[in-house]
Amino acid sequence: MPQLESRRISATGDVEVAAYLELAKQKQGEASSPIAPGAPPRQDAVVILDFGSQYSRLIARRVRECHVYCELLPYDAPWEQVAHLDPRGFILSGGPNSVYEPGAPQIPAYVFDSRLPVLGICYGMQALAHQLGGKVAPGLKREYGHAVLHQNAVESPLLAGLPASLPVWMSHGDQIVEPPAGFASLAYTDNSPVAVVGSPQGLFGLQFHPEVAHTPQGKEIIHNFLYRVCGCHGSWTPGNFIAETTEHIRQQVGKGKVICALSGGVDSAVVATLIQQSVGDQLTAIFVNNGLLRKEEPERNLNTFHKNLHMNLVYADAIDRFLARLSGVTDPEQKRKVVGEEFIRVFEEEAARLGEVQFLAQGTLYPDVIESRTAESKTAARIKTHHNVGGLPARMKLQLIEPLRYLFKDEVREVGLALGLPEEMVWRQPFPGPGLAIRILGEVTREKLEVLRGADWVVMNEVKKAQMYHNLWQSFAVLTDARSVGVMGDFRTYGYAVAIRAVTSEDAMTADWARLPYDLLARISSRIVNEVPGVNRVVYDITSKPPGTIEWE
């Protein structure tokens, strides 16, 4: 990485642009050079600067799918937050602003000073053009939805191997009227005369969104940028992640002791296995029965851990204390915080019994970090507190180890398979940290927990019998706080209404309600009202995310 200069690129200085392009060309030559024989491949990394697009997380997913590591950072993240990644390039996301408005978000100076390749998407493209001397103005017609992109007769590594015309997804009101000096218009649509711009030195802009599924060949465009422009080698693989992570854990832990919470899900199982491979018997896994688990789950989980993970395991029965803490609590955020705090307290108490313990390992994932709006993702609105992120006590005695903090769920599963974990564990549907507490609307009681366990058992059983379990991201029952009048056996009933939730998703950032067959829904409904006491009505939730969330609370 060249030394950063304090100056900014002039908005109108062609000499500055020319210097940028020449040095970027030199830098591109360096990035594309082959790796010396026998040397380990350099860890590829690309930084995505988030200008507030609803699709920013999808950009990160597409980059990871190309086996290139990336991190999503706010557009105004300081250079210190970027430098350690030693990136090969930058991607600038879309956003809701107009670049010509006072106070509009700006591309930071270090992007230009780095002379690295840049891909601007929608607002990112417009900001790139605007700050390098081009002209951006409101379009005569807004362009939302499907469009057909037509390539101009200009060769470009970004669009290499793609057809002359291809479908894309647009979402913009502004457009580039005049590209910056040194840039060529590479493609257009009927409404956008300049839909793709680029320079031979590695600066590109797309008016459309290649990261969404509605642009079928968008991943190929991103792949071209990463490999043909940035010179990435595709080193972001499960094997490399395991090797690097285990070494990092050894360095972090040293001779210290670690405790890890096992929930039965793939996240905690992968974390525990990574740590065990790193420091062996220095790890003690703790399985907490908080009374908020599903039917027979404690027994099945303990059996699985003993059989497959072969590690030091402590069982903590904390049912009474969790229910006591949740008594009278109805607010969803408060439930999450209560469960998170109590988990930590249990761990600290168990740690005290084990002697001196310094570390707590947990399975925080990248979507947890993003949705909880930590300092790393301040441009994202906080949707809800995840107990792994925002539900921790302010004064926690144990240091955290979070080896999955920057992984998406599908990446965790790939790592789990590479570690040799059984497929049944790896492909288990996600289960929330607060458990059934956030699937019971209103106060959590023993009676309600038993009702919900019965209903949830039916849902799981029927979904698996229909061979749809692995096609769904999650499928479960929710016990609402509504009661309704019914008729059962010629008698009036006044029972709970249970909602069924089933969604499809790639990473839980967005989700669509699953179109379950009517016959399957009918069997689920019939079994619940007949087998679960206290329930006389079943409804099916057909809300996607957004506007809803996957969990009801």
Protein backbone atom coordinates (compact mmCIF):
# COMPACT_ATOMS: atom_id res chain seq x y z
CA MET A 1 0.00 0.00 0.00
CA PRO A 2 1.57 3.36 -0.96
CA GLN A 3 1.94 6.02 1.69
CA LEU A 4 -1.26 8.02 1.98
CA GLU A 5 -1.17 11.62 0.85
CA SER A 6 -3.04 14.35 2.68
CA ARG A 7 -4.44 15.98 -0.48
CA ARG A 8 -7.82 15.18 -1.99
CA ILE A 9 -8.59 14.57 -5.64
CA SER A 10 -9.86 17.82 -7.09
CA ALA A 11 -13.47 17.75 -8.26
CA THR A 12 -12.39 19.42 -11.51
CA GLY A 13 -8.66 18.72 -11.78
CA ASP A 14 -7.92 16.61 -14.86
CA VAL A 15 -4.21 16.55 -13.99
CA GLU A 16 -5.06 14.91 -10.67
CA VAL A 17 -7.24 12.31 -12.42
CA ALA A 18 -4.50 11.52 -14.93
CA ALA A 19 -2.01 11.01 -12.11
CA TYR A 20 -4.48 8.74 -10.32
CA LEU A 21 -5.03 6.64 -13.42
CA GLU A 22 -1.31 6.21 -14.11
CA LEU A 23 -0.47 5.18 -10.56
CA ALA A 24 -3.53 2.91 -10.42
CA LYS A 25 -2.23 1.19 -13.54
CA GLN A 26 1.11 0.60 -11.84
CA LYS A 27 -0.63 -0.70 -8.71
CA GLN A 28 -2.79 -3.02 -10.81
CA GLY A 29 0.33 -4.53 -12.30
CA GLU A 30 1.60 -5.26 -8.83
CA ALA A 31 -1.69 -6.82 -7.69
CA SER A 32 -1.82 -9.13 -10.70
CA SER A 33 1.74 -10.47 -10.30
CA PRO A 34 2.00 -14.22 -9.69
CA ILE A 35 2.74 -15.61 -6.23
CA ALA A 36 6.27 -16.92 -5.74
CA PRO A 37 6.50 -20.75 -5.94
CA GLY A 38 6.06 -22.34 -2.55
CA ALA A 39 4.87 -19.13 -0.88
CA PRO A 40 1.44 -19.10 0.81
CA PRO A 41 -1.14 -17.10 -1.15
CA ARG A 42 -1.77 -13.58 0.07
CA GLN A 43 -5.12 -13.27 1.84
CA ASP A 44 -7.42 -11.53 -0.61
CA ALA A 45 -9.48 -8.73 0.87
CA VAL A 46 -11.81 -6.09 -0.52
CA VAL A 47 -13.38 -3.27 1.48
CA ILE A 48 -17.02 -2.37 0.85
CA LEU A 49 -17.89 1.16 1.91
CA ASP A 50 -21.56 1.45 2.82
CA PHE A 51 -23.37 4.62 1.73
CA GLY A 52 -26.70 3.41 3.13
CA SER A 53 -27.98 1.03 0.44
CA GLN A 54 -30.53 -1.60 1.38
CA TYR A 55 -28.44 -4.01 -0.71
CA SER A 56 -25.03 -3.42 0.92
CA ARG A 57 -25.08 -6.76 2.76
CA LEU A 58 -25.80 -8.54 -0.50
CA ILE A 59 -22.64 -7.07 -2.00
CA ALA A 60 -20.66 -8.63 0.84
CA ARG A 61 -22.32 -11.99 0.27
CA ARG A 62 -21.56 -11.98 -3.44
CA VAL A 63 -17.92 -11.12 -2.82
CA ARG A 64 -17.59 -13.93 -0.26
CA GLU A 65 -19.24 -16.34 -2.71
CA CYS A 66 -16.36 -15.56 -5.06
CA HIS A 67 -13.95 -16.78 -2.33
CA VAL A 68 -12.65 -13.29 -1.60
CA TYR A 69 -12.73 -11.92 1.93
CA CYS A 70 -14.44 -8.58 2.48
CA GLU A 71 -15.73 -6.38 5.25
CA LEU A 72 -18.60 -3.91 5.13
CA LEU A 73 -17.65 -0.60 6.71
CA PRO A 74 -19.36 2.81 6.97
CA TYR A 75 -18.41 5.21 4.18
CA ASP A 76 -16.68 7.47 6.70
CA ALA A 77 -14.71 4.71 8.43
CA PRO A 78 -11.22 5.99 9.33
CA TRP A 79 -8.19 4.67 7.47
CA GLU A 80 -7.05 2.84 10.61
CA GLN A 81 -10.12 0.61 10.35
CA VAL A 82 -9.24 -0.28 6.75
CA ALA A 83 -5.44 -0.50 6.74
CA HIS A 84 -5.11 -3.82 8.58
CA LEU A 85 -7.06 -5.57 5.81
CA ASP A 86 -4.45 -4.55 3.20
CA PRO A 87 -7.24 -4.48 0.58
CA ARG A 88 -6.82 -5.17 -3.12
CA GLY A 89 -9.70 -2.87 -3.99
CA PHE A 90 -12.77 -0.94 -2.88
CA ILE A 91 -16.46 -1.36 -3.66
CA LEU A 92 -18.72 1.64 -3.08
CA SER A 93 -22.34 0.77 -2.33
CA GLY A 94 -25.49 2.53 -3.41
CA GLY A 95 -27.34 4.96 -1.17
CA PRO A 96 -30.40 7.22 -0.91
CA ASN A 97 -28.62 10.58 -1.36
CA SER A 98 -27.81 12.73 -4.38
CA VAL A 99 -24.12 13.52 -4.80
CA TYR A 100 -24.74 17.17 -5.74
CA GLU A 101 -26.70 17.99 -2.56
CA PRO A 102 -24.95 19.88 0.26
CA GLY A 103 -23.60 17.47 2.84
CA ALA A 104 -23.94 14.39 0.63
CA PRO A 105 -21.66 11.50 1.70
CA GLN A 106 -18.24 11.63 0.10
CA ILE A 107 -15.74 8.95 -0.86
CA PRO A 108 -12.89 9.22 1.68
CA ALA A 109 -9.54 10.53 0.47
CA TYR A 110 -7.71 7.27 1.22
CA VAL A 111 -9.68 5.49 -1.52
CA PHE A 112 -8.14 7.82 -4.09
CA ASP A 113 -4.73 7.99 -2.44
CA SER A 114 -4.45 4.19 -2.37
CA ARG A 115 -4.54 3.96 -6.21
CA LEU A 116 -6.38 0.65 -5.82
CA PRO A 117 -9.17 -0.52 -8.17
CA VAL A 118 -12.63 0.83 -7.35
CA LEU A 119 -16.12 -0.38 -8.27
CA GLY A 120 -18.90 2.12 -7.63
CA ILE A 121 -22.47 0.83 -7.58
CA CYS A 122 -25.38 3.25 -8.14
CA TYR A 123 -24.65 6.10 -5.68
CA GLY A 124 -21.09 4.81 -5.48
CA MET A 125 -20.74 5.24 -9.23
CA GLN A 126 -22.20 8.74 -9.12
CA ALA A 127 -19.94 9.76 -6.22
CA LEU A 128 -16.92 8.43 -8.09
CA ALA A 129 -17.83 10.39 -11.21
CA HIS A 130 -18.71 13.55 -9.27
CA GLN A 131 -15.51 13.62 -7.22
CA LEU A 132 -13.32 12.94 -10.26
CA GLY A 133 -14.74 15.83 -12.29
CA GLY A 134 -17.72 14.26 -14.06
CA LYS A 135 -21.27 15.58 -14.03
CA VAL A 136 -24.25 14.00 -12.27
CA ALA A 137 -27.79 15.34 -12.57
CA PRO A 138 -31.40 14.24 -11.98
CA GLY A 139 -32.62 11.90 -14.70
CA LEU A 140 -35.49 12.89 -16.93
CA LYS A 141 -37.17 9.70 -15.82
CA ARG A 142 -36.61 7.60 -12.73
CA GLU A 143 -35.58 4.01 -13.38
CA TYR A 144 -36.71 1.31 -10.95
CA GLY A 145 -36.90 -2.39 -11.75
CA HIS A 146 -35.89 -4.40 -14.78
CA ALA A 147 -33.87 -2.87 -17.63
CA VAL A 148 -31.80 -4.21 -20.52
CA LEU A 149 -28.13 -3.28 -20.58
CA HIS A 150 -26.43 -2.91 -23.97
CA GLN A 151 -22.64 -2.95 -24.21
CA ASN A 152 -20.81 -0.36 -26.27
CA ALA A 153 -18.00 -1.43 -28.59
CA VAL A 154 -15.36 -0.93 -25.89
CA GLU A 155 -13.45 -3.88 -24.44
CA SER A 156 -13.41 -4.01 -20.66
CA PRO A 157 -12.30 -6.63 -18.12
CA LEU A 158 -15.37 -5.80 -16.03
CA LEU A 159 -17.82 -7.05 -18.68
CA ALA A 160 -15.57 -9.73 -20.20
CA GLY A 161 -17.39 -12.90 -21.19
CA LEU A 162 -20.84 -11.34 -20.91
CA PRO A 163 -23.33 -11.06 -23.79
CA ALA A 164 -23.80 -7.83 -25.70
CA SER A 165 -27.18 -7.35 -23.97
CA LEU A 166 -28.25 -8.59 -20.57
CA PRO A 167 -31.03 -7.96 -17.99
CA VAL A 168 -30.17 -5.79 -14.96
CA TRP A 169 -31.96 -4.28 -11.96
CA MET A 170 -32.12 -0.50 -11.64
CA SER A 171 -33.04 1.68 -8.65
CA HIS A 172 -32.04 5.32 -9.19
CA GLY A 173 -33.29 8.83 -9.93
CA ASP A 174 -29.96 10.50 -10.81
CA GLN A 175 -27.65 9.66 -13.70
CA ILE A 176 -24.23 10.52 -15.06
CA VAL A 177 -24.50 13.18 -17.73
CA GLU A 178 -20.77 13.44 -18.41
CA PRO A 179 -18.14 10.88 -17.31
CA PRO A 180 -14.87 12.15 -15.81
CA ALA A 181 -11.87 12.70 -18.07
CA GLY A 182 -10.16 9.40 -18.85
CA PHE A 183 -13.36 7.35 -18.45
CA ALA A 184 -15.33 5.66 -21.22
CA SER A 185 -19.02 4.79 -21.36
CA LEU A 186 -19.05 1.00 -21.52
CA ALA A 187 -22.80 0.29 -21.62
CA TYR A 188 -26.22 1.94 -21.64
CA THR A 189 -29.93 1.29 -21.14
CA ASP A 190 -32.87 3.02 -22.79
CA ASN A 191 -33.13 5.39 -19.83
CA SER A 192 -29.44 5.66 -18.84
CA PRO A 193 -27.07 6.67 -21.66
CA VAL A 194 -24.16 6.08 -19.28
CA ALA A 195 -25.01 2.92 -17.32
CA VAL A 196 -21.45 1.60 -16.98
CA VAL A 197 -18.25 3.67 -16.93
CA GLY A 198 -14.68 2.59 -16.65
CA SER A 199 -11.05 3.26 -17.26
CA PRO A 200 -8.36 0.81 -18.40
CA GLN A 201 -6.65 1.38 -15.05
CA GLY A 202 -9.27 -0.23 -12.82
CA LEU A 203 -11.88 2.43 -11.97
CA PHE A 204 -15.44 1.35 -12.76
CA GLY A 205 -19.00 2.38 -12.04
CA LEU A 206 -22.32 0.57 -12.47
CA GLN A 207 -25.64 2.38 -12.46
CA PHE A 208 -27.46 -0.91 -11.80
CA HIS A 209 -27.21 -3.37 -8.89
CA PRO A 210 -25.16 -6.48 -9.74
CA GLU A 211 -25.56 -7.89 -6.23
CA VAL A 212 -29.32 -8.60 -6.42
CA ALA A 213 -30.86 -11.76 -7.86
CA HIS A 214 -32.78 -9.65 -10.39
CA THR A 215 -29.46 -9.07 -12.20
CA PRO A 216 -28.89 -12.73 -13.20
CA GLN A 217 -25.29 -12.26 -14.36
CA GLY A 218 -24.38 -9.74 -11.66
CA LYS A 219 -22.18 -12.20 -9.79
CA GLU A 220 -20.10 -12.65 -12.96
CA ILE A 221 -19.53 -8.89 -13.08
CA ILE A 222 -18.43 -8.87 -9.44
CA HIS A 223 -16.20 -11.89 -10.14
CA ASN A 224 -14.61 -10.06 -13.06
CA PHE A 225 -13.87 -7.05 -10.86
CA LEU A 226 -12.32 -9.18 -8.13
CA TYR A 227 -10.20 -11.40 -10.37
CA ARG A 228 -9.60 -9.53 -13.63
CA VAL A 229 -9.32 -6.04 -12.14
CA CYS A 230 -8.15 -6.46 -8.51
CA GLY A 231 -6.02 -9.52 -9.17
CA CYS A 232 -7.54 -11.62 -6.38
CA HIS A 233 -6.59 -15.28 -6.07
CA GLY A 234 -9.66 -16.71 -4.30
CA SER A 235 -7.94 -17.59 -1.02
CA TRP A 236 -11.06 -17.17 1.15
CA THR A 237 -11.86 -20.87 1.64
CA PRO A 238 -12.99 -22.94 4.63
CA GLY A 239 -9.59 -24.62 4.84
CA ASN A 240 -7.69 -21.33 4.93
CA PHE A 241 -10.17 -19.88 7.42
CA ILE A 242 -9.71 -22.85 9.76
CA ALA A 243 -5.90 -22.65 9.56
CA GLU A 244 -5.79 -18.89 10.18
CA THR A 245 -8.44 -18.94 12.91
CA THR A 246 -6.93 -21.76 14.94
CA GLU A 247 -3.56 -20.02 14.88
CA HIS A 248 -5.18 -16.74 15.97
CA ILE A 249 -6.99 -18.49 18.84
CA ARG A 250 -3.73 -20.06 20.03
CA GLN A 251 -2.09 -16.65 20.11
CA GLN A 252 -5.06 -15.00 21.82
CA VAL A 253 -5.57 -17.67 24.48
CA GLY A 254 -1.98 -18.62 25.20
CA LYS A 255 -2.11 -20.82 28.30
CA GLY A 256 -5.47 -19.47 29.45
CA LYS A 257 -8.71 -21.37 29.91
CA VAL A 258 -11.80 -20.98 27.75
CA ILE A 259 -15.46 -21.73 28.35
CA CYS A 260 -17.90 -22.01 25.47
CA ALA A 261 -21.67 -22.10 25.49
CA LEU A 262 -23.11 -25.02 23.53
CA SER A 263 -26.66 -24.53 22.31
CA GLY A 264 -26.95 -27.46 19.93
CA GLY A 265 -26.77 -25.28 16.85
CA VAL A 266 -24.09 -25.24 14.20
CA ASP A 267 -22.65 -21.88 15.34
CA SER A 268 -21.68 -22.95 18.84
CA ALA A 269 -20.61 -26.40 17.62
CA VAL A 270 -18.22 -24.90 15.06
CA VAL A 271 -16.85 -22.43 17.64
CA ALA A 272 -16.26 -25.19 20.17
CA THR A 273 -14.58 -27.43 17.60
CA LEU A 274 -12.32 -24.63 16.37
CA ILE A 275 -11.23 -23.84 19.91
CA GLN A 276 -10.73 -27.48 20.83
CA GLN A 277 -8.51 -27.94 17.77
CA SER A 278 -6.60 -24.82 18.80
CA VAL A 279 -6.05 -25.29 22.56
CA GLY A 280 -7.39 -28.77 23.35
CA ASP A 281 -8.22 -29.39 27.03
CA GLN A 282 -7.95 -25.69 27.82
CA LEU A 283 -11.58 -25.56 26.63
CA THR A 284 -14.57 -26.49 28.76
CA ALA A 285 -17.94 -26.44 27.03
CA ILE A 286 -20.98 -25.52 29.08
CA PHE A 287 -24.47 -26.56 28.10
CA VAL A 288 -27.05 -24.39 29.87
CA ASN A 289 -30.56 -25.70 30.15
CA ASN A 290 -32.43 -22.42 30.49
CA GLY A 291 -35.88 -23.98 30.18
CA LEU A 292 -36.38 -22.15 26.88
CA LEU A 293 -35.38 -25.02 24.61
CA ARG A 294 -37.55 -27.20 22.41
CA LYS A 295 -38.92 -30.63 23.24
CA GLU A 296 -36.22 -33.22 24.05
CA GLU A 297 -33.53 -30.75 22.94
CA PRO A 298 -31.35 -30.90 26.08
CA GLU A 299 -31.12 -34.70 25.92
CA ARG A 300 -30.42 -34.79 22.17
CA ASN A 301 -27.80 -32.05 22.37
CA LEU A 302 -25.89 -33.62 25.24
CA ASN A 303 -25.83 -36.93 23.41
CA THR A 304 -24.58 -35.26 20.22
CA PHE A 305 -21.81 -33.36 21.98
CA HIS A 306 -20.57 -36.39 23.88
CA LYS A 307 -20.68 -38.53 20.74
CA ASN A 308 -19.20 -36.16 18.19
CA LEU A 309 -17.19 -33.45 19.93
CA HIS A 310 -15.45 -35.46 22.70
CA MET A 311 -14.69 -32.45 24.86
CA ASN A 312 -14.86 -31.39 28.48
CA LEU A 313 -18.57 -30.74 29.01
CA VAL A 314 -20.47 -29.24 31.93
CA TYR A 315 -24.26 -29.38 32.20
CA ALA A 316 -25.87 -26.45 34.04
CA ASP A 317 -29.53 -26.72 35.04
CA ALA A 318 -30.66 -23.08 35.25
CA ILE A 319 -34.36 -23.44 34.41
CA ASP A 320 -35.70 -21.93 37.61
CA ARG A 321 -33.44 -18.87 37.61
CA PHE A 322 -34.18 -17.99 33.98
CA LEU A 323 -37.93 -18.26 34.48
CA ALA A 324 -37.68 -16.21 37.65
CA ARG A 325 -35.78 -13.46 35.80
CA LEU A 326 -38.36 -13.50 32.98
CA SER A 327 -41.35 -13.34 35.30
CA GLY A 328 -43.48 -10.33 34.42
CA VAL A 329 -41.28 -9.34 31.44
CA THR A 330 -43.28 -8.74 28.25
CA ASP A 331 -41.11 -6.36 26.21
CA PRO A 332 -39.17 -8.27 23.51
CA GLU A 333 -35.98 -6.23 23.86
CA GLN A 334 -36.03 -6.69 27.62
CA LYS A 335 -36.48 -10.45 27.20
CA ARG A 336 -33.39 -10.62 24.98
CA LYS A 337 -31.32 -8.61 27.42
CA VAL A 338 -32.50 -10.63 30.42
CA VAL A 339 -31.61 -13.91 28.69
CA GLY A 340 -28.24 -12.56 27.52
CA GLU A 341 -27.32 -11.25 30.97
CA GLU A 342 -28.37 -14.44 32.72
CA PHE A 343 -26.35 -16.55 30.28
CA ILE A 344 -23.23 -14.58 31.10
CA ARG A 345 -23.88 -14.85 34.84
CA VAL A 346 -24.25 -18.63 34.57
CA PHE A 347 -21.01 -18.84 32.62
CA GLU A 348 -19.17 -16.73 35.17
CA GLU A 349 -20.42 -18.92 38.02
CA GLU A 350 -19.46 -22.12 36.19
CA ALA A 351 -16.08 -20.60 35.39
CA ALA A 352 -15.51 -19.89 39.08
CA ARG A 353 -16.05 -23.57 39.81
CA LEU A 354 -13.47 -24.48 37.17
CA GLY A 355 -10.80 -22.30 38.68
CA GLU A 356 -9.25 -19.37 36.85
CA VAL A 357 -10.89 -18.88 33.43
CA GLN A 358 -10.11 -15.93 31.21
CA PHE A 359 -12.14 -16.37 28.02
CA LEU A 360 -15.73 -16.86 26.89
CA ALA A 361 -16.29 -18.12 23.34
CA GLN A 362 -19.58 -17.57 21.53
CA GLY A 363 -21.00 -17.90 18.04
CA THR A 364 -21.68 -14.31 17.02
CA LEU A 365 -22.20 -14.06 13.24
CA TYR A 366 -21.84 -11.15 10.84
CA PRO A 367 -25.63 -10.59 10.46
CA ASP A 368 -25.86 -10.38 14.29
CA VAL A 369 -23.24 -7.63 14.27
CA ILE A 370 -24.90 -5.73 11.44
CA GLU A 371 -28.47 -5.91 12.81
CA SER A 372 -27.41 -4.96 16.31
CA ARG A 373 -25.79 -1.79 14.97
CA THR A 374 -22.43 -1.99 16.67
CA ALA A 375 -19.69 0.55 16.12
CA GLU A 376 -18.64 -1.48 13.09
CA SER A 377 -21.97 -1.01 11.35
CA LYS A 378 -23.32 2.36 12.41
CA THR A 379 -24.95 3.02 9.03
CA ALA A 380 -27.36 0.14 9.65
CA ALA A 381 -30.42 0.81 11.82
CA ARG A 382 -30.64 -1.46 14.86
CA ILE A 383 -33.49 -3.88 14.20
CA LYS A 384 -33.23 -5.83 17.43
CA THR A 385 -30.64 -6.72 20.01
CA HIS A 386 -28.94 -10.06 19.48
CA HIS A 387 -27.96 -11.63 22.79
CA ASN A 388 -24.50 -12.38 21.36
CA VAL A 389 -23.92 -8.68 20.63
CA GLY A 390 -26.11 -6.18 22.40
CA GLY A 391 -27.46 -8.27 25.26
CA LEU A 392 -24.15 -8.63 27.09
CA PRO A 393 -23.71 -6.98 30.48
CA ALA A 394 -21.76 -3.73 30.48
CA ARG A 395 -19.30 -5.14 33.04
CA MET A 396 -18.49 -8.65 31.87
CA LYS A 397 -15.59 -10.36 33.62
CA LEU A 398 -14.58 -12.71 30.78
CA GLN A 399 -12.81 -11.75 27.56
CA LEU A 400 -14.72 -12.69 24.40
CA ILE A 401 -13.56 -15.01 21.65
CA GLU A 402 -15.79 -14.72 18.56
CA PRO A 403 -14.15 -16.61 15.68
CA LEU A 404 -17.29 -16.49 13.49
CA ARG A 405 -17.93 -12.76 13.94
CA TYR A 406 -17.37 -12.00 10.26
CA LEU A 407 -19.00 -15.08 8.72
CA PHE A 408 -22.42 -15.52 7.17
CA LYS A 409 -24.45 -18.60 8.06
CA ASP A 410 -23.68 -20.52 4.88
CA GLU A 411 -19.96 -19.92 5.46
CA VAL A 412 -20.27 -21.31 8.99
CA ARG A 413 -21.85 -24.46 7.57
CA GLU A 414 -19.04 -24.86 5.04
CA VAL A 415 -16.51 -24.53 7.86
CA GLY A 416 -18.46 -27.08 9.92
CA LEU A 417 -18.33 -29.63 7.12
CA ALA A 418 -14.61 -28.97 6.64
CA LEU A 419 -14.13 -29.61 10.38
CA GLY A 420 -15.86 -32.99 10.01
CA LEU A 421 -19.00 -32.21 11.99
CA PRO A 422 -22.03 -34.44 11.22
CA GLU A 423 -24.37 -33.10 8.53
CA GLU A 424 -27.37 -33.34 10.87
CA MET A 425 -25.72 -30.79 13.14
CA VAL A 426 -24.37 -28.60 10.33
CA TRP A 427 -27.70 -28.27 8.55
CA ARG A 428 -29.83 -27.75 11.65
CA GLN A 429 -32.13 -24.76 11.20
CA PRO A 430 -31.11 -21.65 13.17
CA PHE A 431 -32.55 -21.30 16.64
CA PRO A 432 -32.47 -17.93 18.45
CA GLY A 433 -30.24 -17.46 21.46
CA PRO A 434 -33.15 -16.35 23.70
CA GLY A 435 -34.93 -19.54 22.62
CA LEU A 436 -38.67 -19.91 23.03
CA ALA A 437 -38.81 -16.74 25.13
CA ILE A 438 -39.12 -14.66 21.95
CA ARG A 439 -41.58 -17.07 20.38
CA ILE A 440 -44.02 -16.53 23.23
CA LEU A 441 -45.71 -13.17 22.94
CA GLY A 442 -46.17 -11.63 26.34
CA GLU A 443 -44.97 -13.09 29.62
CA VAL A 444 -43.07 -16.39 29.56
CA THR A 445 -44.53 -19.05 31.88
CA ARG A 446 -44.06 -22.79 32.32
CA GLU A 447 -47.57 -23.40 31.01
CA LYS A 448 -46.97 -21.41 27.84
CA LEU A 449 -43.62 -23.07 27.27
CA GLU A 450 -45.22 -26.53 27.35
CA VAL A 451 -47.93 -25.40 24.90
CA LEU A 452 -45.34 -23.97 22.51
CA ARG A 453 -43.06 -27.02 22.75
CA GLY A 454 -45.96 -29.24 21.74
CA ALA A 455 -46.90 -27.06 18.76
CA ASP A 456 -43.29 -26.65 17.64
CA TRP A 457 -42.74 -30.41 17.80
CA VAL A 458 -45.62 -30.95 15.39
CA VAL A 459 -44.28 -28.35 12.94
CA MET A 460 -40.80 -29.90 12.90
CA ASN A 461 -42.15 -33.42 12.58
CA GLU A 462 -44.44 -32.65 9.66
CA VAL A 463 -41.90 -30.48 7.81
CA LYS A 464 -39.32 -33.25 8.05
CA LYS A 465 -41.81 -35.91 6.94
CA ALA A 466 -42.60 -33.74 3.92
CA GLN A 467 -38.83 -33.65 3.18
CA MET A 468 -38.86 -29.85 3.23
CA TYR A 469 -36.67 -29.24 6.30
CA HIS A 470 -33.47 -28.49 4.37
CA ASN A 471 -35.32 -26.32 1.85
CA LEU A 472 -36.38 -23.88 4.57
CA TRP A 473 -34.22 -21.41 6.45
CA GLN A 474 -36.46 -21.72 9.49
CA SER A 475 -39.81 -23.28 10.33
CA PHE A 476 -41.38 -23.03 13.76
CA ALA A 477 -44.44 -22.19 15.86
CA VAL A 478 -45.20 -18.97 17.71
CA LEU A 479 -47.54 -18.81 20.71
CA THR A 480 -49.46 -15.57 20.36
CA ASP A 481 -50.98 -13.69 23.29
CA ALA A 482 -54.39 -13.88 21.60
CA ARG A 483 -57.15 -16.27 22.62
CA SER A 484 -60.19 -17.07 20.54
CA VAL A 485 -63.50 -18.85 20.89
CA GLY A 486 -63.75 -22.31 19.39
CA VAL A 487 -65.93 -25.41 19.38
CA MET A 488 -64.44 -28.80 20.24
CA GLY A 489 -66.61 -31.82 21.01
CA ASP A 490 -69.76 -29.68 21.06
CA PHE A 491 -68.24 -27.58 23.82
CA ARG A 492 -67.19 -23.95 23.73
CA THR A 493 -63.45 -23.43 24.06
CA TYR A 494 -61.37 -20.34 24.65
CA GLY A 495 -57.84 -21.25 23.65
CA TYR A 496 -54.58 -19.89 22.34
CA ALA A 497 -53.95 -19.00 18.72
CA VAL A 498 -50.70 -20.49 17.38
CA ALA A 499 -48.95 -18.96 14.38
CA ILE A 500 -46.81 -21.02 12.03
CA ARG A 501 -43.73 -19.34 10.55
CA ALA A 502 -41.69 -20.78 7.66
CA VAL A 503 -39.25 -18.77 5.56
CA THR A 504 -36.65 -19.20 2.85
CA SER A 505 -33.45 -17.16 2.97
CA GLU A 506 -29.75 -17.16 2.16
CA ASP A 507 -28.40 -15.49 5.29
CA ALA A 508 -31.34 -14.13 7.34
CA MET A 509 -30.66 -10.56 6.18
CA THR A 510 -33.75 -10.86 3.98
CA ALA A 511 -36.31 -13.66 3.89
CA ASP A 512 -39.44 -14.67 2.00
CA TRP A 513 -42.35 -16.59 3.48
CA ALA A 514 -42.35 -20.19 2.31
CA ARG A 515 -45.15 -21.39 0.03
CA LEU A 516 -45.86 -24.55 2.01
CA PRO A 517 -48.32 -26.98 0.38
CA TYR A 518 -51.88 -26.65 1.61
CA ASP A 519 -51.96 -30.33 2.55
CA LEU A 520 -48.92 -29.86 4.79
CA LEU A 521 -50.47 -26.82 6.47
CA ALA A 522 -53.69 -28.75 6.98
CA ARG A 523 -51.86 -31.65 8.69
CA ILE A 524 -49.94 -29.26 10.94
CA SER A 525 -53.10 -27.41 11.94
CA SER A 526 -55.07 -30.58 12.58
CA ARG A 527 -52.37 -32.15 14.71
CA ILE A 528 -51.76 -29.02 16.81
CA VAL A 529 -55.40 -28.46 17.76
CA ASN A 530 -55.85 -32.17 18.47
CA GLU A 531 -52.57 -32.90 20.26
CA VAL A 532 -51.69 -29.68 22.07
CA PRO A 533 -53.99 -28.81 24.99
CA GLY A 534 -55.08 -25.19 25.18
CA VAL A 535 -54.86 -24.42 21.43
CA ASN A 536 -57.94 -24.10 19.23
CA ARG A 537 -56.73 -21.98 16.32
CA VAL A 538 -53.74 -22.06 13.93
CA VAL A 539 -52.74 -19.30 11.50
CA TYR A 540 -49.93 -19.06 8.93
CA ASP A 541 -47.65 -16.01 8.74
CA ILE A 542 -47.17 -14.81 5.13
CA THR A 543 -44.99 -11.79 5.91
CA SER A 544 -41.54 -11.47 4.32
CA LYS A 545 -38.47 -9.75 5.75
CA PRO A 546 -38.64 -6.81 5.28
CA PRO A 547 -41.11 -5.51 6.39
CA GLY A 548 -41.27 -8.11 9.14
CA THR A 549 -38.44 -9.99 10.84
CA ILE A 550 -38.09 -13.76 10.87
CA GLU A 551 -38.81 -14.04 14.58
CA TRP A 552 -41.92 -12.32 15.93
CA GLU A 553 -39.95 -10.68 18.73
